[in-house]
Amino acid sequence: MLPLFARRAFAIFSAILLTACNTVVMNPSGDIASQQSHLIWVATLLMLLIIVPVIFLTVLFAWRYRQNNTSAKYEPDWDHSTQLELVIWGAPLLIIIALGLITWISTHTLDPYRKLSRLDENRPLPVDAKVLNVEVVALDWKWLFIYPDLGIATVNELAAPVDVPVRFKITASNVMNSFFIPALAGQIYAMPGMQTTLNAVINKPGEFDGFSANYSGAGFSDMRFKFHGMSAQNFDSWVQAAKTKAQILDRTTYLKLEKPSEREPVRHYASVDADLYHAILNRCVSAGEVCMDKMMMSDVRANAKAYAASDAKMDFSNLFTQRLEQDNVARAARAERLSAYLDADICKASPLIIGNK
C-alpha cells in the first residue's frame, strides 16, 4: 500500500500529464466532426443524469445505513414503493427514449455518404458551391491522395481549402484500413475492391493529423499524414507547386509505390493516369488483369443469357403442356359426341328388334 503523500503526488503528476493531451476530437475544426463531438457531449450528459445520482445514492446509503448508525430506521419487512418504482424505471426509460431519438436523427444527418447541406451551423451550403473530389488509397503503409479534377497526386500529404466541400472516395490496395482525420470528420474504412465515401468540410486553416485507425501490419504506427486546411489562394499555390514536380504517377510508378514500405516521405506528382484509381479499385493495375467491374458485367450478361434460355425452355414446355391439354379436351368432346350418337342409334333400332321378335 502506497503512503498517502505518494498517492497524492501520483494524482497530481497524472493531472499534469493530462493537461498536454490533444482534445481535437472534442474541439475539432470541421463541421461534421463538430456535430459528432456535440453528439458525444449530449449523450454523455444524458447518461450522467442516471450515473451521478446512482453513485451519490450508493455512497449515501452505505453511509446512512452503516452498522454503527443506530438512528437509521430499520424496516426489515419493507419490500415495495410505487413512487420509488416509478422513479427507478421511469427516469432511465425517458433517457433511453431521448438517446434513441437523438441517435436516429444523427445517424441520418451525419451519414458519410450524404451530401453536405451546410458549411457550419450558421452558414448553409451555397447553391453554386464546387465540390473538391479526392480519391484516397490506403497502401502498405502510406496514403495516396489523387485529385482527379486537378490532375495531381500526393503521398502522405493532404490539403483542402477552407469552407469548400470535400468528397473523399476511399479504397485500399491490400488490407483493410481506416481513414481518420479527427479535426475533419469521423473515421471510415478503406477496403480493397470496395469504395467508401466521406463528405466533409474544414472551417479553420491549420495543420491537422491524419492516420489509420485500424491495425494493418508492421508499419501501422507510422501510417500517418498531415492534412492542411488552407485559404483558397494558398491552396492554389500548393496545387501549382505540385504541378512543377517532375514525377508522374502512372501504372508502373504505382506498382512500385504499392510495395510495402514504412515512413515514406511526402511526395507530389505533377500528373496522374486518368484511369489509375478505377484500376486500383477494380484490382487491375497490372497488365493482363481483368477488372472486377468488367468481370462482374460479363457474369451478369452470361447469367442473363442462361436465364433467357431457361425461360425459353420453360415457355416451350408450358406450350407443349397446354397443347396436350387442349388435345385431351378435344378427344373427350369427340368421345362424348360419339357416345351420344351411338346411344341415339341404339334407341331407334330397339323397337324394330323387339317387333321382329
Protein backbone atom coordinates (compact mmCIF):
# COMPACT_ATOMS: atom_id res chain seq x y z
CA MET A 1 0.00 0.00 0.00
CA LEU A 2 1.45 3.37 -1.06
CA PRO A 3 1.60 6.10 1.57
CA LEU A 4 -0.82 8.99 1.32
CA PHE A 5 1.72 11.55 0.05
CA ALA A 6 2.81 9.14 -2.74
CA ARG A 7 -0.78 8.66 -3.92
CA ARG A 8 -1.37 12.43 -3.94
CA ALA A 9 1.85 13.04 -5.84
CA PHE A 10 0.86 10.42 -8.41
CA ALA A 11 -2.56 12.03 -8.84
CA ILE A 12 -1.05 15.49 -9.32
CA PHE A 13 1.52 14.13 -11.80
CA SER A 14 -1.22 12.37 -13.79
CA ALA A 15 -3.24 15.59 -13.92
CA ILE A 16 -0.19 17.48 -15.23
CA LEU A 17 0.32 14.88 -17.96
CA LEU A 18 -3.35 15.08 -18.98
CA THR A 19 -3.08 18.84 -19.49
CA ALA A 20 -0.88 18.14 -22.52
CA CYS A 21 -3.47 15.87 -24.17
CA ASN A 22 -4.85 17.00 -27.53
CA THR A 23 -8.63 17.37 -27.30
CA VAL A 24 -9.11 17.73 -31.06
CA VAL A 25 -11.92 15.16 -31.09
CA MET A 26 -13.96 17.30 -28.71
CA ASN A 27 -12.86 20.62 -30.22
CA PRO A 28 -12.49 19.98 -33.97
CA SER A 29 -12.18 22.41 -36.89
CA GLY A 30 -14.60 20.76 -39.32
CA ASP A 31 -18.39 20.96 -39.23
CA ILE A 32 -19.02 17.20 -39.43
CA ALA A 33 -16.55 16.48 -36.62
CA SER A 34 -18.08 19.35 -34.64
CA GLN A 35 -21.54 17.80 -34.90
CA GLN A 36 -20.11 14.45 -33.85
CA SER A 37 -18.44 15.98 -30.79
CA HIS A 38 -21.72 17.68 -29.91
CA LEU A 39 -23.44 14.29 -30.12
CA ILE A 40 -20.83 12.82 -27.74
CA TRP A 41 -21.39 15.64 -25.23
CA VAL A 42 -25.19 15.31 -25.33
CA ALA A 43 -25.11 11.51 -24.98
CA THR A 44 -22.62 11.71 -22.11
CA LEU A 45 -24.65 14.31 -20.20
CA LEU A 46 -27.86 12.32 -20.65
CA MET A 47 -26.19 9.21 -19.26
CA LEU A 48 -24.71 11.19 -16.37
CA LEU A 49 -28.25 12.10 -15.33
CA ILE A 50 -28.52 8.48 -14.19
CA ILE A 51 -24.91 7.66 -13.36
CA VAL A 52 -24.30 10.59 -10.98
CA PRO A 53 -27.43 10.08 -8.83
CA VAL A 54 -26.76 6.33 -8.65
CA ILE A 55 -23.19 6.90 -7.45
CA PHE A 56 -24.33 9.56 -4.97
CA LEU A 57 -27.15 7.42 -3.57
CA THR A 58 -24.84 4.38 -3.31
CA VAL A 59 -22.42 6.35 -1.16
CA LEU A 60 -25.29 7.94 0.82
CA PHE A 61 -26.97 4.59 1.59
CA ALA A 62 -23.67 2.98 2.54
CA TRP A 63 -23.02 5.84 4.97
CA ARG A 64 -26.54 6.22 6.36
CA TYR A 65 -27.19 2.53 6.92
CA ARG A 66 -23.77 1.60 8.25
CA GLN A 67 -23.68 -0.83 11.13
CA ASN A 68 -22.92 1.65 13.92
CA ASN A 69 -25.66 4.15 12.90
CA THR A 70 -28.38 3.23 15.36
CA SER A 71 -30.53 6.26 14.46
CA ALA A 72 -31.31 4.93 10.95
CA LYS A 73 -34.79 3.48 10.57
CA TYR A 74 -34.80 -0.32 10.45
CA GLU A 75 -37.63 -1.81 8.35
CA PRO A 76 -36.85 -5.46 7.53
CA ASP A 77 -40.37 -6.15 6.18
CA TRP A 78 -40.44 -3.25 3.69
CA ASP A 79 -40.44 -4.51 0.08
CA HIS A 80 -42.33 -2.10 -2.23
CA SER A 81 -42.92 1.56 -3.04
CA THR A 82 -44.87 2.61 -6.13
CA GLN A 83 -43.31 6.07 -6.14
CA LEU A 84 -39.80 4.62 -5.93
CA GLU A 85 -40.52 2.13 -8.71
CA LEU A 86 -41.73 4.95 -10.97
CA VAL A 87 -38.52 6.89 -10.39
CA ILE A 88 -36.25 3.84 -10.79
CA TRP A 89 -37.82 2.73 -14.08
CA GLY A 90 -39.29 5.96 -15.45
CA ALA A 91 -36.15 8.10 -15.48
CA PRO A 92 -33.93 5.57 -17.33
CA LEU A 93 -36.74 4.86 -19.77
CA LEU A 94 -37.09 8.56 -20.65
CA ILE A 95 -33.32 8.88 -21.10
CA ILE A 96 -33.20 5.78 -23.34
CA ILE A 97 -36.02 7.22 -25.47
CA ALA A 98 -34.16 10.54 -25.75
CA LEU A 99 -30.90 8.78 -26.65
CA GLY A 100 -32.65 6.64 -29.25
CA LEU A 101 -34.27 9.68 -30.86
CA ILE A 102 -31.01 11.63 -30.94
CA THR A 103 -29.13 8.63 -32.34
CA TRP A 104 -31.71 8.06 -35.07
CA ILE A 105 -31.62 11.69 -36.18
CA SER A 106 -27.83 11.94 -36.02
CA THR A 107 -27.32 8.67 -37.90
CA HIS A 108 -29.13 10.11 -40.92
CA THR A 109 -27.79 13.66 -40.57
CA LEU A 110 -24.15 12.55 -40.27
CA ASP A 111 -24.30 9.79 -42.88
CA PRO A 112 -20.84 9.99 -44.56
CA TYR A 113 -22.42 9.29 -47.97
CA ARG A 114 -24.86 12.15 -47.60
CA LYS A 115 -24.03 15.38 -49.42
CA LEU A 116 -23.36 18.38 -47.23
CA SER A 117 -26.18 20.81 -46.64
CA ARG A 118 -24.20 23.46 -44.75
CA LEU A 119 -20.71 24.83 -44.21
CA ASP A 120 -21.26 25.24 -40.47
CA GLU A 121 -24.14 25.81 -38.07
CA ASN A 122 -24.54 29.43 -39.23
CA ARG A 123 -23.99 29.08 -42.98
CA PRO A 124 -25.92 26.87 -45.41
CA LEU A 125 -24.09 25.41 -48.38
CA PRO A 126 -24.24 27.80 -51.35
CA VAL A 127 -26.14 26.52 -54.34
CA ASP A 128 -23.17 27.06 -56.66
CA ALA A 129 -20.61 25.54 -54.27
CA LYS A 130 -18.00 23.48 -56.12
CA VAL A 131 -17.00 20.17 -54.55
CA LEU A 132 -13.35 19.15 -54.29
CA ASN A 133 -13.02 15.46 -55.20
CA VAL A 134 -10.21 13.46 -53.61
CA GLU A 135 -9.52 9.78 -54.28
CA VAL A 136 -7.87 8.08 -51.30
CA VAL A 137 -5.91 4.83 -51.47
CA ALA A 138 -4.63 3.12 -48.32
CA LEU A 139 -1.31 1.43 -49.15
CA ASP A 140 1.13 -0.58 -47.04
CA TRP A 141 1.99 1.61 -45.09
CA LYS A 142 1.29 5.01 -46.56
CA TRP A 143 -1.53 7.08 -48.00
CA LEU A 144 -2.02 8.05 -51.65
CA PHE A 145 -4.25 11.03 -52.47
CA ILE A 146 -5.37 11.67 -56.04
CA TYR A 147 -7.04 14.92 -57.11
CA PRO A 148 -8.80 13.84 -60.34
CA ASP A 149 -10.13 17.31 -61.19
CA LEU A 150 -6.71 18.92 -60.68
CA GLY A 151 -4.60 16.17 -62.23
CA ILE A 152 -2.16 15.84 -59.31
CA ALA A 153 -1.43 13.29 -56.59
CA THR A 154 0.40 13.23 -53.27
CA VAL A 155 1.75 10.69 -50.82
CA ASN A 156 1.29 11.26 -47.08
CA GLU A 157 0.06 14.83 -47.53
CA LEU A 158 -3.47 16.12 -47.99
CA ALA A 159 -4.73 19.66 -48.45
CA ALA A 160 -8.10 21.33 -48.93
CA PRO A 161 -9.33 24.92 -48.99
CA VAL A 162 -11.32 26.25 -46.06
CA ASP A 163 -15.13 26.24 -46.39
CA VAL A 164 -15.08 24.09 -49.55
CA PRO A 165 -16.99 20.77 -49.52
CA VAL A 166 -14.69 17.79 -49.98
CA ARG A 167 -15.87 14.41 -51.25
CA PHE A 168 -13.49 11.56 -50.48
CA LYS A 169 -13.69 8.30 -52.42
CA ILE A 170 -11.77 5.75 -50.40
CA THR A 171 -10.35 2.31 -51.15
CA ALA A 172 -7.32 0.18 -50.25
CA SER A 173 -4.70 -1.75 -52.16
CA ASN A 174 -4.23 -4.79 -49.96
CA VAL A 175 -5.70 -4.96 -46.44
CA MET A 176 -8.45 -3.05 -44.65
CA ASN A 177 -7.51 0.27 -43.07
CA SER A 178 -9.40 3.16 -41.52
CA PHE A 179 -9.17 6.73 -42.83
CA PHE A 180 -9.37 9.16 -39.91
CA ILE A 181 -8.76 12.92 -39.59
CA PRO A 182 -10.16 13.77 -36.12
CA ALA A 183 -10.34 17.51 -36.82
CA LEU A 184 -12.34 16.94 -40.03
CA ALA A 185 -14.75 14.02 -39.56
CA GLY A 186 -15.15 10.56 -38.10
CA GLN A 187 -13.24 7.54 -39.34
CA ILE A 188 -14.37 5.46 -42.29
CA TYR A 189 -12.98 2.15 -43.50
CA ALA A 190 -10.81 1.69 -46.59
CA MET A 191 -11.22 -1.80 -48.08
CA PRO A 192 -9.67 -3.43 -51.17
CA GLY A 193 -12.04 -3.94 -54.05
CA MET A 194 -14.63 -1.66 -52.43
CA GLN A 195 -15.24 2.07 -52.27
CA THR A 196 -16.49 4.09 -49.32
CA THR A 197 -17.39 7.78 -49.39
CA LEU A 198 -16.95 10.61 -46.95
CA ASN A 199 -18.30 14.17 -47.33
CA ALA A 200 -16.74 16.80 -45.08
CA VAL A 201 -15.60 20.42 -44.84
CA ILE A 202 -12.81 22.15 -42.91
CA ASN A 203 -13.76 25.51 -41.40
CA LYS A 204 -10.46 26.69 -39.95
CA PRO A 205 -6.99 26.91 -41.50
CA GLY A 206 -4.27 24.87 -39.88
CA GLU A 207 -2.25 21.67 -39.94
CA PHE A 208 -4.03 18.60 -38.64
CA ASP A 209 -3.10 14.95 -38.10
CA GLY A 210 -4.49 12.10 -40.15
CA PHE A 211 -3.80 8.42 -39.70
CA SER A 212 -5.10 4.87 -39.96
CA ALA A 213 -7.24 3.84 -37.01
CA ASN A 214 -7.27 0.15 -37.95
CA TYR A 215 -4.24 -2.07 -37.32
CA SER A 216 -2.84 -3.29 -40.64
CA GLY A 217 0.60 -4.72 -40.00
CA ALA A 218 4.19 -3.86 -39.16
CA GLY A 219 4.20 -0.27 -40.44
CA PHE A 220 0.84 0.69 -38.97
CA SER A 221 2.28 3.01 -36.30
CA ASP A 222 3.89 5.26 -38.92
CA MET A 223 0.94 5.26 -41.32
CA ARG A 224 0.29 8.96 -40.75
CA PHE A 225 -0.09 12.10 -42.84
CA LYS A 226 -0.68 15.82 -42.47
CA PHE A 227 -3.91 17.47 -43.51
CA HIS A 228 -3.60 21.17 -44.36
CA GLY A 229 -6.61 23.45 -44.20
CA MET A 230 -5.72 26.42 -46.42
CA SER A 231 -7.16 29.60 -47.78
CA ALA A 232 -8.21 29.44 -51.44
CA GLN A 233 -5.12 31.40 -52.51
CA ASN A 234 -2.71 29.20 -50.53
CA PHE A 235 -4.38 26.06 -51.85
CA ASP A 236 -3.98 27.25 -55.44
CA SER A 237 -0.30 27.91 -54.74
CA TRP A 238 0.04 24.42 -53.25
CA VAL A 239 -1.51 22.87 -56.36
CA GLN A 240 0.78 24.85 -58.69
CA ALA A 241 3.81 23.79 -56.64
CA ALA A 242 2.77 20.15 -57.03
CA LYS A 243 2.43 20.58 -60.79
CA THR A 244 6.02 21.78 -61.05
CA LYS A 245 7.35 18.43 -59.82
CA ALA A 246 8.96 16.09 -62.33
CA GLN A 247 7.34 12.92 -61.02
CA ILE A 248 4.41 11.36 -62.90
CA LEU A 249 2.09 8.77 -61.36
CA ASP A 250 1.34 6.14 -63.97
CA ARG A 251 0.66 2.44 -63.52
CA THR A 252 4.31 1.47 -63.49
CA THR A 253 5.11 4.05 -60.83
CA TYR A 254 2.10 2.98 -58.79
CA LEU A 255 3.13 -0.69 -58.80
CA LYS A 256 6.48 0.34 -57.29
CA LEU A 257 4.76 2.61 -54.76
CA GLU A 258 2.30 -0.14 -53.81
CA LYS A 259 5.04 -2.38 -52.40
CA PRO A 260 5.09 -2.38 -48.57
CA SER A 261 7.31 0.33 -47.08
CA GLU A 262 7.48 2.32 -43.85
CA ARG A 263 7.96 6.00 -43.05
CA GLU A 264 7.59 7.15 -46.64
CA PRO A 265 8.42 10.83 -47.20
CA VAL A 266 5.92 13.27 -48.66
CA ARG A 267 5.77 13.10 -52.46
CA HIS A 268 4.00 15.18 -55.09
CA TYR A 269 3.13 14.01 -58.61
CA ALA A 270 2.62 16.58 -61.36
CA SER A 271 0.23 14.37 -63.33
CA VAL A 272 -1.75 11.17 -62.83
CA ASP A 273 -3.01 8.42 -65.11
CA ALA A 274 -6.71 9.28 -65.53
CA ASP A 275 -7.83 5.65 -65.09
CA LEU A 276 -5.47 4.78 -62.24
CA TYR A 277 -7.98 4.99 -59.39
CA HIS A 278 -10.51 2.94 -61.37
CA ALA A 279 -7.84 0.30 -61.94
CA ILE A 280 -6.84 0.30 -58.24
CA LEU A 281 -10.46 -0.03 -57.14
CA ASN A 282 -11.13 -2.86 -59.59
CA ARG A 283 -7.76 -4.52 -58.92
CA CYS A 284 -6.48 -4.49 -62.49
CA VAL A 285 -3.45 -2.20 -62.40
CA SER A 286 -1.03 -4.79 -63.75
CA ALA A 287 -1.10 -5.65 -67.45
CA GLY A 288 -3.27 -8.62 -68.36
CA GLU A 289 -5.52 -8.41 -65.29
CA VAL A 290 -9.27 -8.32 -65.84
CA CYS A 291 -11.03 -5.51 -63.98
CA MET A 292 -13.58 -6.58 -61.41
CA ASP A 293 -16.36 -4.43 -62.89
CA LYS A 294 -15.86 -5.95 -66.36
CA MET A 295 -15.72 -9.43 -64.85
CA MET A 296 -18.96 -8.83 -62.96
CA MET A 297 -20.59 -7.36 -66.06
CA SER A 298 -19.64 -10.40 -68.15
CA ASP A 299 -21.04 -12.63 -65.38
CA VAL A 300 -24.27 -10.65 -65.39
CA ARG A 301 -24.59 -10.99 -69.16
CA ALA A 302 -23.82 -14.72 -69.06
CA ASN A 303 -26.40 -15.23 -66.31
CA ALA A 304 -28.94 -13.20 -68.26
CA LYS A 305 -28.43 -15.42 -71.32
CA ALA A 306 -28.73 -18.55 -69.18
CA TYR A 307 -31.92 -17.28 -67.61
CA ALA A 308 -33.32 -16.33 -71.02
CA ALA A 309 -32.54 -19.82 -72.36
CA SER A 310 -34.13 -21.49 -69.35
CA ASP A 311 -37.18 -19.24 -69.69
CA ALA A 312 -37.46 -20.17 -73.36
CA LYS A 313 -37.29 -23.88 -72.48
CA MET A 314 -39.85 -23.33 -69.77
CA ASP A 315 -42.14 -21.50 -72.22
CA PHE A 316 -41.80 -24.35 -74.75
CA SER A 317 -42.59 -26.89 -72.06
CA ASN A 318 -45.60 -24.88 -70.98
CA LEU A 319 -46.74 -24.57 -74.59
CA PHE A 320 -46.41 -28.34 -75.10
CA THR A 321 -48.37 -28.99 -71.90
CA GLN A 322 -51.11 -26.57 -72.92
CA ARG A 323 -51.37 -28.15 -76.38
CA LEU A 324 -51.56 -31.62 -74.85
CA GLU A 325 -54.33 -30.48 -72.52
CA GLN A 326 -56.23 -28.98 -75.45
CA ASP A 327 -55.91 -32.25 -77.39
CA ASN A 328 -57.18 -34.21 -74.40
CA VAL A 329 -60.19 -31.92 -74.11
CA ALA A 330 -60.90 -32.27 -77.82
CA ARG A 331 -60.66 -36.06 -77.61
CA ALA A 332 -63.01 -36.11 -74.65
CA ALA A 333 -65.52 -33.95 -76.56
CA ARG A 334 -65.38 -36.23 -79.61
CA ALA A 335 -65.85 -39.30 -77.41
CA GLU A 336 -68.90 -37.72 -75.79
CA ARG A 337 -70.41 -36.88 -79.19
CA LEU A 338 -69.73 -40.42 -80.48
CA SER A 339 -71.25 -41.94 -77.37
CA ALA A 340 -74.37 -39.78 -77.72
CA TYR A 341 -74.68 -40.70 -81.40
CA LEU A 342 -74.39 -44.43 -80.69
CA ASP A 343 -76.94 -44.19 -77.90
CA ALA A 344 -79.38 -42.49 -80.26
CA ASP A 345 -78.97 -45.18 -82.97
CA ILE A 346 -79.49 -47.98 -80.45
CA CYS A 347 -82.70 -46.38 -79.20
CA LYS A 348 -84.04 -46.13 -82.78
CA ALA A 349 -83.17 -49.72 -83.57
CA SER A 350 -84.61 -51.20 -80.34
CA PRO A 351 -88.40 -51.11 -81.34
CA LEU A 352 -87.67 -52.81 -84.62
CA ILE A 353 -85.75 -55.53 -82.95
CA ILE A 354 -88.46 -56.07 -80.36
CA GLY A 355 -91.20 -56.14 -83.06
CA ASN A 356 -89.44 -58.72 -85.14
CA LYS A 357 -89.21 -60.94 -82.16
